């Protein structure tokens, strides 16, 4: 994440949501412009979405998931 002058932003609160799978955290804080969490796909196959919202601005990305059976 960058500010209006192109500088990386630290300390911004980012709210994350996912339509499939599980996020390691639903609210994270940026460090040097980056917000990090984990995503676990679970047992479903399909296309999900992960959304990140900062100050009423939302960006959505699509994720293709394929379930794999384990022994």
C-alpha atoms as a PDB file:
ATOM      1  CA  UNK A   1       0.000   0.000   0.000  1.00  0.00           C
ATOM      2  CA  UNK A   2       1.256   3.471  -0.888  1.00  0.00           C
ATOM      3  CA  UNK A   3       0.144   6.952   0.048  1.00  0.00           C
ATOM      4  CA  UNK A   4      -0.673   9.773  -2.389  1.00  0.00           C
ATOM      5  CA  UNK A   5       3.053  10.537  -2.724  1.00  0.00           C
ATOM      6  CA  UNK A   6       4.109   6.960  -3.531  1.00  0.00           C
ATOM      7  CA  UNK A   7       5.504   6.194  -0.073  1.00  0.00           C
ATOM      8  CA  UNK A   8       4.901   2.771   1.489  1.00  0.00           C
ATOM      9  CA  UNK A   9       2.408   2.972   4.384  1.00  0.00           C
ATOM     10  CA  UNK A  10       2.990   1.228   7.704  1.00  0.00           C
ATOM     11  CA  UNK A  11       0.298   0.907  10.358  1.00  0.00           C
ATOM     12  CA  UNK A  12      -2.777   0.919   8.104  1.00  0.00           C
ATOM     13  CA  UNK A  13      -5.572  -1.435   9.163  1.00  0.00           C
ATOM     14  CA  UNK A  14      -6.635  -3.903   6.449  1.00  0.00           C
ATOM     15  CA  UNK A  15      -9.830  -5.976   6.752  1.00  0.00           C
ATOM     16  CA  UNK A  16      -9.706  -9.281   4.835  1.00  0.00           C
ATOM     17  CA  UNK A  17     -12.557 -11.576   3.808  1.00  0.00           C
ATOM     18  CA  UNK A  18     -12.697 -14.806   1.786  1.00  0.00           C
ATOM     19  CA  UNK A  19     -15.656 -16.547   0.134  1.00  0.00           C
ATOM     20  CA  UNK A  20     -13.962 -19.978   0.282  1.00  0.00           C
ATOM     21  CA  UNK A  21     -11.298 -21.266   2.616  1.00  0.00           C
ATOM     22  CA  UNK A  22     -10.024 -19.749   5.828  1.00  0.00           C
ATOM     23  CA  UNK A  23      -7.871 -16.701   6.463  1.00  0.00           C
ATOM     24  CA  UNK A  24      -5.304 -16.717   9.262  1.00  0.00           C
ATOM     25  CA  UNK A  25      -6.444 -13.252  10.286  1.00  0.00           C
ATOM     26  CA  UNK A  26      -9.352 -11.087   9.215  1.00  0.00           C
ATOM     27  CA  UNK A  27      -7.762  -7.823  10.318  1.00  0.00           C
ATOM     28  CA  UNK A  28      -4.073  -7.119   9.786  1.00  0.00           C
ATOM     29  CA  UNK A  29      -1.806  -4.074   9.835  1.00  0.00           C
ATOM     30  CA  UNK A  30       0.557  -3.046   7.039  1.00  0.00           C
ATOM     31  CA  UNK A  31       4.319  -3.001   7.447  1.00  0.00           C
ATOM     32  CA  UNK A  32       6.217  -1.115   4.738  1.00  0.00           C
ATOM     33  CA  UNK A  33       3.085  -1.211   2.561  1.00  0.00           C
ATOM     34  CA  UNK A  34       2.433  -4.947   2.895  1.00  0.00           C
ATOM     35  CA  UNK A  35      -0.389  -6.755   4.716  1.00  0.00           C
ATOM     36  CA  UNK A  36       0.261 -10.468   5.334  1.00  0.00           C
ATOM     37  CA  UNK A  37      -1.872 -13.392   6.487  1.00  0.00           C
ATOM     38  CA  UNK A  38      -2.280 -17.078   5.614  1.00  0.00           C
ATOM     39  CA  UNK A  39      -4.992 -18.714   3.517  1.00  0.00           C
ATOM     40  CA  UNK A  40      -6.053 -22.356   3.837  1.00  0.00           C
ATOM     41  CA  UNK A  41      -8.179 -23.688   0.990  1.00  0.00           C
ATOM     42  CA  UNK A  42     -10.024 -26.444   2.849  1.00  0.00           C
ATOM     43  CA  UNK A  43     -11.738 -29.313   1.026  1.00  0.00           C
ATOM     44  CA  UNK A  44     -13.811 -27.554  -1.643  1.00  0.00           C
ATOM     45  CA  UNK A  45     -13.020 -27.091  -5.330  1.00  0.00           C
ATOM     46  CA  UNK A  46     -14.055 -23.895  -7.073  1.00  0.00           C
ATOM     47  CA  UNK A  47     -13.301 -20.218  -7.503  1.00  0.00           C
ATOM     48  CA  UNK A  48     -13.264 -18.047  -4.438  1.00  0.00           C
ATOM     49  CA  UNK A  49     -12.565 -14.409  -3.750  1.00  0.00           C
ATOM     50  CA  UNK A  50     -10.307 -12.698  -1.264  1.00  0.00           C
ATOM     51  CA  UNK A  51     -11.085  -9.056  -0.546  1.00  0.00           C
ATOM     52  CA  UNK A  52      -8.922  -6.477   1.205  1.00  0.00           C
ATOM     53  CA  UNK A  53     -10.476  -3.232   2.470  1.00  0.00           C
ATOM     54  CA  UNK A  54      -8.606  -0.142   3.655  1.00  0.00           C
ATOM     55  CA  UNK A  55     -10.400   3.132   4.462  1.00  0.00           C
ATOM     56  CA  UNK A  56     -13.567   2.141   2.514  1.00  0.00           C
ATOM     57  CA  UNK A  57     -11.587   1.089  -0.586  1.00  0.00           C
ATOM     58  CA  UNK A  58     -11.875  -2.617  -1.467  1.00  0.00           C
ATOM     59  CA  UNK A  59      -9.740  -4.690  -3.835  1.00  0.00           C
ATOM     60  CA  UNK A  60     -10.918  -8.199  -4.761  1.00  0.00           C
ATOM     61  CA  UNK A  61      -8.828 -11.046  -6.169  1.00  0.00           C
ATOM     62  CA  UNK A  62     -10.017 -14.414  -7.458  1.00  0.00           C
ATOM     63  CA  UNK A  63      -8.505 -17.689  -6.264  1.00  0.00           C
ATOM     64  CA  UNK A  64      -8.925 -21.048  -8.024  1.00  0.00           C
ATOM     65  CA  UNK A  65      -9.061 -23.951  -5.563  1.00  0.00           C
ATOM     66  CA  UNK A  66      -8.649 -27.646  -6.266  1.00  0.00           C
ATOM     67  CA  UNK A  67      -9.349 -30.171  -3.517  1.00  0.00           C
ATOM     68  CA  UNK A  68      -6.840 -33.002  -3.290  1.00  0.00           C
ATOM     69  CA  UNK A  69      -7.493 -36.182  -1.343  1.00  0.00           C
ATOM     70  CA  UNK A  70      -4.822 -37.171   1.124  1.00  0.00           C
ATOM     71  CA  UNK A  71      -4.121 -40.694   2.286  1.00  0.00           C
END
